[in-house]
């Protein structure tokens, strides 16, 4: 299915993650997208759960059965519903065209990623 699943692993970084989500929820993109947060913190993040309530395309997973960036990324793509995966760190800021720019290139013929 056309669209992008954005996967963000995190661990005890609420303030950074909130800034990242503030940028991502404002994306101007013609296709559907979702944001999957894989949180490996000891406790669920109540503030990030609020994003999930406010935005239907934000999905929050609190996972304590493993720890590690590769494991969190794998968990994310296994729960993704769109054909294209974009891994982001939990502390980025971006313009509202990030997804549009990535999509333009990953769907171009002759480009392998």
PDB file of N, CA and C in Angstrom:
ATOM      1  N   UNK A   1       0.848  -1.174   0.000  1.00  0.00           N
ATOM      2  CA  UNK A   1       0.000   0.000   0.000  1.00  0.00           C
ATOM      3  C   UNK A   1       0.891   1.233   0.000  1.00  0.00           C
ATOM      4  N   UNK A   2       0.590   2.193  -0.870  1.00  0.00           N
ATOM      5  CA  UNK A   2       1.361   3.433  -0.917  1.00  0.00           C
ATOM      6  C   UNK A   2       1.219   4.189   0.387  1.00  0.00           C
ATOM      7  N   UNK A   3       2.321   4.684   0.862  1.00  0.00           N
ATOM      8  CA  UNK A   3       2.363   5.421   2.109  1.00  0.00           C
ATOM      9  C   UNK A   3       3.690   5.163   2.790  1.00  0.00           C
ATOM     10  N   UNK A   4       3.907   5.834   3.907  1.00  0.00           N
ATOM     11  CA  UNK A   4       5.160   5.696   4.638  1.00  0.00           C
ATOM     12  C   UNK A   4       4.872   5.381   6.101  1.00  0.00           C
ATOM     13  N   UNK A   5       5.594   4.418   6.611  1.00  0.00           N
ATOM     14  CA  UNK A   5       5.596   4.123   8.040  1.00  0.00           C
ATOM     15  C   UNK A   5       6.887   4.687   8.611  1.00  0.00           C
ATOM     16  N   UNK A   6       6.750   5.646   9.494  1.00  0.00           N
ATOM     17  CA  UNK A   6       7.897   6.265  10.158  1.00  0.00           C
ATOM     18  C   UNK A   6       8.098   5.542  11.484  1.00  0.00           C
ATOM     19  N   UNK A   7       9.284   5.027  11.692  1.00  0.00           N
ATOM     20  CA  UNK A   7       9.576   4.259  12.901  1.00  0.00           C
ATOM     21  C   UNK A   7      10.602   5.020  13.739  1.00  0.00           C
ATOM     22  N   UNK A   8      10.235   5.254  15.004  1.00  0.00           N
ATOM     23  CA  UNK A   8      11.095   6.010  15.913  1.00  0.00           C
ATOM     24  C   UNK A   8      11.333   5.205  17.187  1.00  0.00           C
ATOM     25  N   UNK A   9      12.501   4.596  17.315  1.00  0.00           N
ATOM     26  CA  UNK A   9      12.852   3.965  18.580  1.00  0.00           C
ATOM     27  C   UNK A   9      13.212   5.047  19.609  1.00  0.00           C
ATOM     28  N   UNK A  10      12.911   4.797  20.870  1.00  0.00           N
ATOM     29  CA  UNK A  10      13.236   5.774  21.906  1.00  0.00           C
ATOM     30  C   UNK A  10      13.462   5.067  23.237  1.00  0.00           C
ATOM     31  N   UNK A  11      14.154   5.781  24.125  1.00  0.00           N
ATOM     32  CA  UNK A  11      14.423   5.260  25.466  1.00  0.00           C
ATOM     33  C   UNK A  11      14.649   6.449  26.400  1.00  0.00           C
ATOM     34  N   UNK A  12      13.663   6.748  27.227  1.00  0.00           N
ATOM     35  CA  UNK A  12      13.760   7.802  28.238  1.00  0.00           C
ATOM     36  C   UNK A  12      14.117   9.174  27.662  1.00  0.00           C
ATOM     37  N   UNK A  13      13.481   9.565  26.570  1.00  0.00           N
ATOM     38  CA  UNK A  13      13.808  10.843  25.936  1.00  0.00           C
ATOM     39  C   UNK A  13      12.546  11.615  25.562  1.00  0.00           C
ATOM     40  N   UNK A  14      11.650  11.762  26.485  1.00  0.00           N
ATOM     41  CA  UNK A  14      10.354  12.384  26.230  1.00  0.00           C
ATOM     42  C   UNK A  14      10.470  13.769  25.609  1.00  0.00           C
ATOM     43  N   UNK A  15      11.291  14.625  26.175  1.00  0.00           N
ATOM     44  CA  UNK A  15      11.371  16.004  25.684  1.00  0.00           C
ATOM     45  C   UNK A  15      11.840  16.072  24.232  1.00  0.00           C
ATOM     46  N   UNK A  16      12.856  15.291  23.895  1.00  0.00           N
ATOM     47  CA  UNK A  16      13.323  15.250  22.504  1.00  0.00           C
ATOM     48  C   UNK A  16      12.234  14.678  21.589  1.00  0.00           C
ATOM     49  N   UNK A  17      11.635  13.598  22.011  1.00  0.00           N
ATOM     50  CA  UNK A  17      10.621  12.931  21.204  1.00  0.00           C
ATOM     51  C   UNK A  17       9.423  13.834  20.945  1.00  0.00           C
ATOM     52  N   UNK A  18       9.016  14.599  21.930  1.00  0.00           N
ATOM     53  CA  UNK A  18       7.898  15.528  21.742  1.00  0.00           C
ATOM     54  C   UNK A  18       8.214  16.549  20.651  1.00  0.00           C
ATOM     55  N   UNK A  19       9.437  17.064  20.626  1.00  0.00           N
ATOM     56  CA  UNK A  19       9.824  18.017  19.579  1.00  0.00           C
ATOM     57  C   UNK A  19       9.788  17.366  18.201  1.00  0.00           C
ATOM     58  N   UNK A  20      10.260  16.132  18.139  1.00  0.00           N
ATOM     59  CA  UNK A  20      10.236  15.395  16.872  1.00  0.00           C
ATOM     60  C   UNK A  20       8.799  15.179  16.407  1.00  0.00           C
ATOM     61  N   UNK A  21       7.933  14.763  17.304  1.00  0.00           N
ATOM     62  CA  UNK A  21       6.526  14.536  16.948  1.00  0.00           C
ATOM     63  C   UNK A  21       5.838  15.825  16.535  1.00  0.00           C
ATOM     64  N   UNK A  22       6.166  16.922  17.189  1.00  0.00           N
ATOM     65  CA  UNK A  22       5.584  18.212  16.805  1.00  0.00           C
ATOM     66  C   UNK A  22       5.882  18.526  15.340  1.00  0.00           C
ATOM     67  N   UNK A  23       7.071  18.182  14.881  1.00  0.00           N
ATOM     68  CA  UNK A  23       7.424  18.397  13.468  1.00  0.00           C
ATOM     69  C   UNK A  23       6.700  17.404  12.554  1.00  0.00           C
ATOM     70  N   UNK A  24       6.667  16.167  12.954  1.00  0.00           N
ATOM     71  CA  UNK A  24       6.129  15.120  12.077  1.00  0.00           C
ATOM     72  C   UNK A  24       4.624  15.186  11.892  1.00  0.00           C
ATOM     73  N   UNK A  25       3.888  15.585  12.905  1.00  0.00           N
ATOM     74  CA  UNK A  25       2.427  15.600  12.764  1.00  0.00           C
ATOM     75  C   UNK A  25       1.966  16.713  11.826  1.00  0.00           C
ATOM     76  N   UNK A  26       2.857  17.615  11.454  1.00  0.00           N
ATOM     77  CA  UNK A  26       2.518  18.723  10.548  1.00  0.00           C
ATOM     78  C   UNK A  26       2.930  18.460   9.108  1.00  0.00           C
ATOM     79  N   UNK A  27       3.250  17.228   8.787  1.00  0.00           N
ATOM     80  CA  UNK A  27       3.714  16.909   7.443  1.00  0.00           C
ATOM     81  C   UNK A  27       2.619  17.154   6.394  1.00  0.00           C
ATOM     82  N   UNK A  28       3.032  17.734   5.291  1.00  0.00           N
ATOM     83  CA  UNK A  28       2.157  17.916   4.132  1.00  0.00           C
ATOM     84  C   UNK A  28       2.545  16.822   3.146  1.00  0.00           C
ATOM     85  N   UNK A  29       1.670  15.841   3.023  1.00  0.00           N
ATOM     86  CA  UNK A  29       2.001  14.648   2.247  1.00  0.00           C
ATOM     87  C   UNK A  29       0.727  14.098   1.643  1.00  0.00           C
ATOM     88  N   UNK A  30       0.765  13.776   0.362  1.00  0.00           N
ATOM     89  CA  UNK A  30      -0.452  13.366  -0.332  1.00  0.00           C
ATOM     90  C   UNK A  30      -0.868  11.921  -0.055  1.00  0.00           C
ATOM     91  N   UNK A  31       0.025  11.141   0.500  1.00  0.00           N
ATOM     92  CA  UNK A  31      -0.282   9.746   0.793  1.00  0.00           C
ATOM     93  C   UNK A  31      -0.422   9.557   2.307  1.00  0.00           C
ATOM     94  N   UNK A  32      -1.038   8.469   2.705  1.00  0.00           N
ATOM     95  CA  UNK A  32      -1.151   8.225   4.152  1.00  0.00           C
ATOM     96  C   UNK A  32       0.208   7.912   4.762  1.00  0.00           C
ATOM     97  N   UNK A  33       0.327   8.213   6.023  1.00  0.00           N
ATOM     98  CA  UNK A  33       1.526   7.850   6.761  1.00  0.00           C
ATOM     99  C   UNK A  33       1.157   7.553   8.203  1.00  0.00           C
ATOM    100  N   UNK A  34       2.050   6.849   8.849  1.00  0.00           N
ATOM    101  CA  UNK A  34       1.881   6.542  10.258  1.00  0.00           C
ATOM    102  C   UNK A  34       3.208   6.765  10.950  1.00  0.00           C
ATOM    103  N   UNK A  35       3.138   7.035  12.234  1.00  0.00           N
ATOM    104  CA  UNK A  35       4.326   7.199  13.052  1.00  0.00           C
ATOM    105  C   UNK A  35       4.264   6.125  14.131  1.00  0.00           C
ATOM    106  N   UNK A  36       5.236   5.223  14.119  1.00  0.00           N
ATOM    107  CA  UNK A  36       5.302   4.152  15.102  1.00  0.00           C
ATOM    108  C   UNK A  36       6.431   4.461  16.078  1.00  0.00           C
ATOM    109  N   UNK A  37       6.079   4.629  17.325  1.00  0.00           N
ATOM    110  CA  UNK A  37       7.053   4.899  18.369  1.00  0.00           C
ATOM    111  C   UNK A  37       7.279   3.597  19.131  1.00  0.00           C
ATOM    112  N   UNK A  38       8.528   3.166  19.176  1.00  0.00           N
ATOM    113  CA  UNK A  38       8.885   1.953  19.905  1.00  0.00           C
ATOM    114  C   UNK A  38       9.682   2.410  21.126  1.00  0.00           C
ATOM    115  N   UNK A  39       8.991   2.452  22.253  1.00  0.00           N
ATOM    116  CA  UNK A  39       9.549   2.970  23.486  1.00  0.00           C
ATOM    117  C   UNK A  39      10.029   1.832  24.378  1.00  0.00           C
ATOM    118  N   UNK A  40      11.315   1.824  24.681  1.00  0.00           N
ATOM    119  CA  UNK A  40      11.908   0.776  25.512  1.00  0.00           C
ATOM    120  C   UNK A  40      12.181   1.259  26.934  1.00  0.00           C
ATOM    121  N   UNK A  41      11.571   2.360  27.324  1.00  0.00           N
ATOM    122  CA  UNK A  41      11.737   2.902  28.666  1.00  0.00           C
ATOM    123  C   UNK A  41      11.110   1.968  29.700  1.00  0.00           C
ATOM    124  N   UNK A  42      11.494   2.146  30.944  1.00  0.00           N
ATOM    125  CA  UNK A  42      10.957   1.295  32.007  1.00  0.00           C
ATOM    126  C   UNK A  42       9.456   1.482  32.202  1.00  0.00           C
ATOM    127  N   UNK A  43       8.983   2.711  32.028  1.00  0.00           N
ATOM    128  CA  UNK A  43       7.559   3.008  32.229  1.00  0.00           C
ATOM    129  C   UNK A  43       6.962   3.606  30.961  1.00  0.00           C
ATOM    130  N   UNK A  44       5.666   3.376  30.774  1.00  0.00           N
ATOM    131  CA  UNK A  44       4.962   4.003  29.657  1.00  0.00           C
ATOM    132  C   UNK A  44       5.075   5.516  29.766  1.00  0.00           C
ATOM    133  N   UNK A  45       5.142   6.164  28.616  1.00  0.00           N
ATOM    134  CA  UNK A  45       5.272   7.612  28.572  1.00  0.00           C
ATOM    135  C   UNK A  45       3.887   8.234  28.399  1.00  0.00           C
ATOM    136  N   UNK A  46       3.359   8.782  29.465  1.00  0.00           N
ATOM    137  CA  UNK A  46       2.005   9.358  29.462  1.00  0.00           C
ATOM    138  C   UNK A  46       1.883  10.506  28.470  1.00  0.00           C
ATOM    139  N   UNK A  47       2.928  11.313  28.344  1.00  0.00           N
ATOM    140  CA  UNK A  47       2.868  12.452  27.426  1.00  0.00           C
ATOM    141  C   UNK A  47       2.787  11.995  25.972  1.00  0.00           C
ATOM    142  N   UNK A  48       3.510  10.950  25.656  1.00  0.00           N
ATOM    143  CA  UNK A  48       3.488  10.450  24.279  1.00  0.00           C
ATOM    144  C   UNK A  48       2.183   9.700  24.006  1.00  0.00           C
ATOM    145  N   UNK A  49       1.634   9.068  25.002  1.00  0.00           N
ATOM    146  CA  UNK A  49       0.320   8.444  24.832  1.00  0.00           C
ATOM    147  C   UNK A  49      -0.738   9.472  24.443  1.00  0.00           C
ATOM    148  N   UNK A  50      -0.574  10.707  24.885  1.00  0.00           N
ATOM    149  CA  UNK A  50      -1.503  11.776  24.501  1.00  0.00           C
ATOM    150  C   UNK A  50      -1.447  12.055  23.001  1.00  0.00           C
ATOM    151  N   UNK A  51      -0.249  11.965  22.414  1.00  0.00           N
ATOM    152  CA  UNK A  51      -0.143  12.130  20.953  1.00  0.00           C
ATOM    153  C   UNK A  51      -0.954  11.051  20.248  1.00  0.00           C
ATOM    154  N   UNK A  52      -0.868   9.850  20.756  1.00  0.00           N
ATOM    155  CA  UNK A  52      -1.618   8.747  20.155  1.00  0.00           C
ATOM    156  C   UNK A  52      -3.119   9.005  20.222  1.00  0.00           C
ATOM    157  N   UNK A  53      -3.576   9.590  21.307  1.00  0.00           N
ATOM    158  CA  UNK A  53      -5.000   9.912  21.437  1.00  0.00           C
ATOM    159  C   UNK A  53      -5.399  11.034  20.492  1.00  0.00           C
ATOM    160  N   UNK A  54      -4.508  11.992  20.316  1.00  0.00           N
ATOM    161  CA  UNK A  54      -4.818  13.173  19.508  1.00  0.00           C
ATOM    162  C   UNK A  54      -4.694  12.924  18.006  1.00  0.00           C
ATOM    163  N   UNK A  55      -3.768  12.064  17.612  1.00  0.00           N
ATOM    164  CA  UNK A  55      -3.508  11.813  16.190  1.00  0.00           C
ATOM    165  C   UNK A  55      -3.673  10.321  15.900  1.00  0.00           C
ATOM    166  N   UNK A  56      -4.609  10.001  15.056  1.00  0.00           N
ATOM    167  CA  UNK A  56      -4.905   8.593  14.777  1.00  0.00           C
ATOM    168  C   UNK A  56      -3.768   7.875  14.058  1.00  0.00           C
ATOM    169  N   UNK A  57      -2.870   8.610  13.443  1.00  0.00           N
ATOM    170  CA  UNK A  57      -1.766   7.993  12.705  1.00  0.00           C
ATOM    171  C   UNK A  57      -0.517   7.790  13.568  1.00  0.00           C
ATOM    172  N   UNK A  58      -0.580   8.132  14.844  1.00  0.00           N
ATOM    173  CA  UNK A  58       0.520   7.880  15.775  1.00  0.00           C
ATOM    174  C   UNK A  58       0.197   6.608  16.551  1.00  0.00           C
ATOM    175  N   UNK A  59       1.139   5.659  16.513  1.00  0.00           N
ATOM    176  CA  UNK A  59       0.973   4.402  17.241  1.00  0.00           C
ATOM    177  C   UNK A  59       2.138   4.251  18.208  1.00  0.00           C
ATOM    178  N   UNK A  60       1.808   4.008  19.445  1.00  0.00           N
ATOM    179  CA  UNK A  60       2.805   3.931  20.510  1.00  0.00           C
ATOM    180  C   UNK A  60       2.904   2.502  21.014  1.00  0.00           C
ATOM    181  N   UNK A  61       4.128   1.986  21.036  1.00  0.00           N
ATOM    182  CA  UNK A  61       4.387   0.648  21.553  1.00  0.00           C
ATOM    183  C   UNK A  61       5.382   0.764  22.702  1.00  0.00           C
ATOM    184  N   UNK A  62       4.970   0.356  23.873  1.00  0.00           N
ATOM    185  CA  UNK A  62       5.868   0.305  25.020  1.00  0.00           C
ATOM    186  C   UNK A  62       6.335  -1.135  25.141  1.00  0.00           C
ATOM    187  N   UNK A  63       7.633  -1.360  24.910  1.00  0.00           N
ATOM    188  CA  UNK A  63       8.176  -2.714  24.854  1.00  0.00           C
ATOM    189  C   UNK A  63       9.343  -2.821  25.834  1.00  0.00           C
ATOM    190  N   UNK A  64       9.255  -3.760  26.754  1.00  0.00           N
ATOM    191  CA  UNK A  64      10.344  -3.960  27.708  1.00  0.00           C
ATOM    192  C   UNK A  64      10.954  -5.354  27.599  1.00  0.00           C
ATOM    193  N   UNK A  65      10.523  -6.125  26.641  1.00  0.00           N
ATOM    194  CA  UNK A  65      11.038  -7.488  26.492  1.00  0.00           C
ATOM    195  C   UNK A  65      12.406  -7.524  25.802  1.00  0.00           C
ATOM    196  N   UNK A  66      12.853  -6.404  25.272  1.00  0.00           N
ATOM    197  CA  UNK A  66      14.174  -6.315  24.662  1.00  0.00           C
ATOM    198  C   UNK A  66      14.658  -4.874  24.781  1.00  0.00           C
ATOM    199  N   UNK A  67      15.947  -4.683  24.555  1.00  0.00           N
ATOM    200  CA  UNK A  67      16.532  -3.351  24.502  1.00  0.00           C
ATOM    201  C   UNK A  67      17.546  -3.333  23.380  1.00  0.00           C
ATOM    202  N   UNK A  68      17.500  -2.293  22.586  1.00  0.00           N
ATOM    203  CA  UNK A  68      18.469  -2.134  21.513  1.00  0.00           C
ATOM    204  C   UNK A  68      17.838  -1.490  20.299  1.00  0.00           C
ATOM    205  N   UNK A  69      18.628  -0.680  19.630  1.00  0.00           N
ATOM    206  CA  UNK A  69      18.152   0.019  18.441  1.00  0.00           C
ATOM    207  C   UNK A  69      17.759  -0.933  17.307  1.00  0.00           C
ATOM    208  N   UNK A  70      18.593  -1.915  16.956  1.00  0.00           N
ATOM    209  CA  UNK A  70      18.194  -2.834  15.879  1.00  0.00           C
ATOM    210  C   UNK A  70      16.904  -3.584  16.201  1.00  0.00           C
ATOM    211  N   UNK A  71      16.763  -4.025  17.446  1.00  0.00           N
ATOM    212  CA  UNK A  71      15.566  -4.753  17.845  1.00  0.00           C
ATOM    213  C   UNK A  71      14.329  -3.861  17.743  1.00  0.00           C
ATOM    214  N   UNK A  72      14.462  -2.604  18.168  1.00  0.00           N
ATOM    215  CA  UNK A  72      13.336  -1.673  18.101  1.00  0.00           C
ATOM    216  C   UNK A  72      12.954  -1.378  16.654  1.00  0.00           C
ATOM    217  N   UNK A  73      13.935  -1.204  15.802  1.00  0.00           N
ATOM    218  CA  UNK A  73      13.642  -0.963  14.372  1.00  0.00           C
ATOM    219  C   UNK A  73      12.951  -2.170  13.753  1.00  0.00           C
ATOM    220  N   UNK A  74      13.439  -3.366  14.067  1.00  0.00           N
ATOM    221  CA  UNK A  74      12.793  -4.575  13.545  1.00  0.00           C
ATOM    222  C   UNK A  74      11.363  -4.709  14.049  1.00  0.00           C
ATOM    223  N   UNK A  75      11.160  -4.443  15.321  1.00  0.00           N
ATOM    224  CA  UNK A  75       9.809  -4.482  15.880  1.00  0.00           C
ATOM    225  C   UNK A  75       8.910  -3.496  15.130  1.00  0.00           C
ATOM    226  N   UNK A  76       9.430  -2.309  14.861  1.00  0.00           N
ATOM    227  CA  UNK A  76       8.650  -1.295  14.154  1.00  0.00           C
ATOM    228  C   UNK A  76       8.230  -1.730  12.764  1.00  0.00           C
ATOM    229  N   UNK A  77       9.172  -2.223  11.962  1.00  0.00           N
ATOM    230  CA  UNK A  77       8.786  -2.592  10.600  1.00  0.00           C
ATOM    231  C   UNK A  77       7.849  -3.789  10.588  1.00  0.00           C
ATOM    232  N   UNK A  78       7.940  -4.647  11.593  1.00  0.00           N
ATOM    233  CA  UNK A  78       7.020  -5.780  11.664  1.00  0.00           C
ATOM    234  C   UNK A  78       5.588  -5.334  11.956  1.00  0.00           C
ATOM    235  N   UNK A  79       5.419  -4.142  12.512  1.00  0.00           N
ATOM    236  CA  UNK A  79       4.093  -3.612  12.808  1.00  0.00           C
ATOM    237  C   UNK A  79       3.657  -2.521  11.823  1.00  0.00           C
ATOM    238  N   UNK A  80       4.473  -2.251  10.832  1.00  0.00           N
ATOM    239  CA  UNK A  80       4.179  -1.206   9.848  1.00  0.00           C
ATOM    240  C   UNK A  80       3.124  -1.676   8.859  1.00  0.00           C
ATOM    241  N   UNK A  81       2.315  -0.733   8.397  1.00  0.00           N
ATOM    242  CA  UNK A  81       1.287  -1.115   7.429  1.00  0.00           C
ATOM    243  C   UNK A  81       1.531  -0.566   6.022  1.00  0.00           C
ATOM    244  N   UNK A  82       2.534   0.262   5.848  1.00  0.00           N
ATOM    245  CA  UNK A  82       2.790   0.832   4.521  1.00  0.00           C
ATOM    246  C   UNK A  82       4.036   0.221   3.896  1.00  0.00           C
ATOM    247  N   UNK A  83       4.122   0.347   2.567  1.00  0.00           N
ATOM    248  CA  UNK A  83       5.203  -0.269   1.807  1.00  0.00           C
ATOM    249  C   UNK A  83       6.571   0.337   2.098  1.00  0.00           C
ATOM    250  N   UNK A  84       6.600   1.604   2.427  1.00  0.00           N
ATOM    251  CA  UNK A  84       7.874   2.287   2.609  1.00  0.00           C
ATOM    252  C   UNK A  84       8.105   2.584   4.086  1.00  0.00           C
ATOM    253  N   UNK A  85       9.345   2.337   4.514  1.00  0.00           N
ATOM    254  CA  UNK A  85       9.735   2.509   5.910  1.00  0.00           C
ATOM    255  C   UNK A  85      10.755   3.637   5.980  1.00  0.00           C
ATOM    256  N   UNK A  86      10.563   4.525   6.941  1.00  0.00           N
ATOM    257  CA  UNK A  86      11.526   5.592   7.199  1.00  0.00           C
ATOM    258  C   UNK A  86      11.891   5.528   8.678  1.00  0.00           C
ATOM    259  N   UNK A  87      13.155   5.229   8.953  1.00  0.00           N
ATOM    260  CA  UNK A  87      13.639   5.189  10.330  1.00  0.00           C
ATOM    261  C   UNK A  87      14.149   6.571  10.709  1.00  0.00           C
ATOM    262  N   UNK A  88      13.702   7.076  11.843  1.00  0.00           N
ATOM    263  CA  UNK A  88      14.165   8.374  12.330  1.00  0.00           C
ATOM    264  C   UNK A  88      14.623   8.241  13.772  1.00  0.00           C
ATOM    265  N   UNK A  89      15.551   9.110  14.147  1.00  0.00           N
ATOM    266  CA  UNK A  89      15.950   9.206  15.540  1.00  0.00           C
ATOM    267  C   UNK A  89      14.886   9.996  16.295  1.00  0.00           C
ATOM    268  N   UNK A  90      14.904   9.890  17.608  1.00  0.00           N
ATOM    269  CA  UNK A  90      13.886  10.555  18.414  1.00  0.00           C
ATOM    270  C   UNK A  90      14.202  12.017  18.713  1.00  0.00           C
ATOM    271  N   UNK A  91      15.268  12.545  18.127  1.00  0.00           N
ATOM    272  CA  UNK A  91      15.663  13.920  18.439  1.00  0.00           C
ATOM    273  C   UNK A  91      15.868  14.791  17.204  1.00  0.00           C
ATOM    274  N   UNK A  92      15.130  14.519  16.146  1.00  0.00           N
ATOM    275  CA  UNK A  92      15.283  15.330  14.935  1.00  0.00           C
ATOM    276  C   UNK A  92      14.244  16.454  14.905  1.00  0.00           C
ATOM    277  N   UNK A  93      14.556  17.461  14.126  1.00  0.00           N
ATOM    278  CA  UNK A  93      13.554  18.451  13.742  1.00  0.00           C
ATOM    279  C   UNK A  93      13.566  18.472  12.223  1.00  0.00           C
ATOM    280  N   UNK A  94      12.445  18.819  11.638  1.00  0.00           N
ATOM    281  CA  UNK A  94      12.363  18.801  10.185  1.00  0.00           C
ATOM    282  C   UNK A  94      11.295  19.781   9.710  1.00  0.00           C
ATOM    283  N   UNK A  95      11.343  20.066   8.441  1.00  0.00           N
ATOM    284  CA  UNK A  95      10.316  20.883   7.807  1.00  0.00           C
ATOM    285  C   UNK A  95       9.109  19.993   7.509  1.00  0.00           C
ATOM    286  N   UNK A  96       8.017  20.605   7.085  1.00  0.00           N
ATOM    287  CA  UNK A  96       6.789  19.845   6.834  1.00  0.00           C
ATOM    288  C   UNK A  96       6.798  19.080   5.514  1.00  0.00           C
ATOM    289  N   UNK A  97       7.940  19.059   4.814  1.00  0.00           N
ATOM    290  CA  UNK A  97       8.028  18.336   3.546  1.00  0.00           C
ATOM    291  C   UNK A  97       8.957  17.125   3.626  1.00  0.00           C
ATOM    292  N   UNK A  98       9.341  16.711   4.811  1.00  0.00           N
ATOM    293  CA  UNK A  98      10.263  15.581   4.966  1.00  0.00           C
ATOM    294  C   UNK A  98       9.747  14.322   4.273  1.00  0.00           C
ATOM    295  N   UNK A  99       8.508  13.965   4.531  1.00  0.00           N
ATOM    296  CA  UNK A  99       7.963  12.741   3.933  1.00  0.00           C
ATOM    297  C   UNK A  99       7.808  12.885   2.423  1.00  0.00           C
ATOM    298  N   UNK A 100       7.387  14.029   1.981  1.00  0.00           N
ATOM    299  CA  UNK A 100       7.235  14.273   0.541  1.00  0.00           C
ATOM    300  C   UNK A 100       8.575  14.116  -0.176  1.00  0.00           C
ATOM    301  N   UNK A 101       9.625  14.685   0.392  1.00  0.00           N
ATOM    302  CA  UNK A 101      10.959  14.598  -0.210  1.00  0.00           C
ATOM    303  C   UNK A 101      11.460  13.151  -0.241  1.00  0.00           C
ATOM    304  N   UNK A 102      11.307  12.427   0.843  1.00  0.00           N
ATOM    305  CA  UNK A 102      11.739  11.030   0.865  1.00  0.00           C
ATOM    306  C   UNK A 102      10.943  10.205  -0.144  1.00  0.00           C
ATOM    307  N   UNK A 103       9.656  10.396  -0.172  1.00  0.00           N
ATOM    308  CA  UNK A 103       8.798   9.613  -1.061  1.00  0.00           C
ATOM    309  C   UNK A 103       9.155   9.851  -2.524  1.00  0.00           C
ATOM    310  N   UNK A 104       9.470  11.079  -2.852  1.00  0.00           N
ATOM    311  CA  UNK A 104       9.823  11.422  -4.228  1.00  0.00           C
ATOM    312  C   UNK A 104      10.976  10.567  -4.731  1.00  0.00           C
ATOM    313  N   UNK A 105      11.952  10.332  -3.883  1.00  0.00           N
ATOM    314  CA  UNK A 105      13.128   9.594  -4.318  1.00  0.00           C
ATOM    315  C   UNK A 105      12.996   8.086  -4.163  1.00  0.00           C
ATOM    316  N   UNK A 106      12.311   7.628  -3.149  1.00  0.00           N
ATOM    317  CA  UNK A 106      12.222   6.177  -2.978  1.00  0.00           C
ATOM    318  C   UNK A 106      11.277   5.529  -3.984  1.00  0.00           C
ATOM    319  N   UNK A 107      10.425   6.322  -4.625  1.00  0.00           N
ATOM    320  CA  UNK A 107       9.514   5.770  -5.623  1.00  0.00           C
ATOM    321  C   UNK A 107      10.011   6.011  -7.046  1.00  0.00           C
ATOM    322  N   UNK A 108      11.125   6.688  -7.189  1.00  0.00           N
ATOM    323  CA  UNK A 108      11.667   6.958  -8.514  1.00  0.00           C
ATOM    324  C   UNK A 108      12.263   5.680  -9.095  1.00  0.00           C
ATOM    325  N   UNK A 109      11.995   5.409 -10.370  1.00  0.00           N
ATOM    326  CA  UNK A 109      12.525   4.193 -10.975  1.00  0.00           C
ATOM    327  C   UNK A 109      14.047   4.300 -11.101  1.00  0.00           C
ATOM    328  N   UNK A 110      14.703   3.182 -10.925  1.00  0.00           N
ATOM    329  CA  UNK A 110      16.138   3.139 -11.054  1.00  0.00           C
ATOM    330  C   UNK A 110      16.881   3.445  -9.758  1.00  0.00           C
ATOM    331  N   UNK A 111      16.144   3.716  -8.696  1.00  0.00           N
ATOM    332  CA  UNK A 111      16.803   3.975  -7.420  1.00  0.00           C
ATOM    333  C   UNK A 111      16.540   2.781  -6.512  1.00  0.00           C
ATOM    334  N   UNK A 112      17.594   2.252  -5.957  1.00  0.00           N
ATOM    335  CA  UNK A 112      17.469   1.129  -5.033  1.00  0.00           C
ATOM    336  C   UNK A 112      17.877   1.561  -3.641  1.00  0.00           C
ATOM    337  N   UNK A 113      17.062   1.195  -2.680  1.00  0.00           N
ATOM    338  CA  UNK A 113      17.372   1.564  -1.303  1.00  0.00           C
ATOM    339  C   UNK A 113      17.354   0.320  -0.465  1.00  0.00           C
TER     340      UNK A 113
END
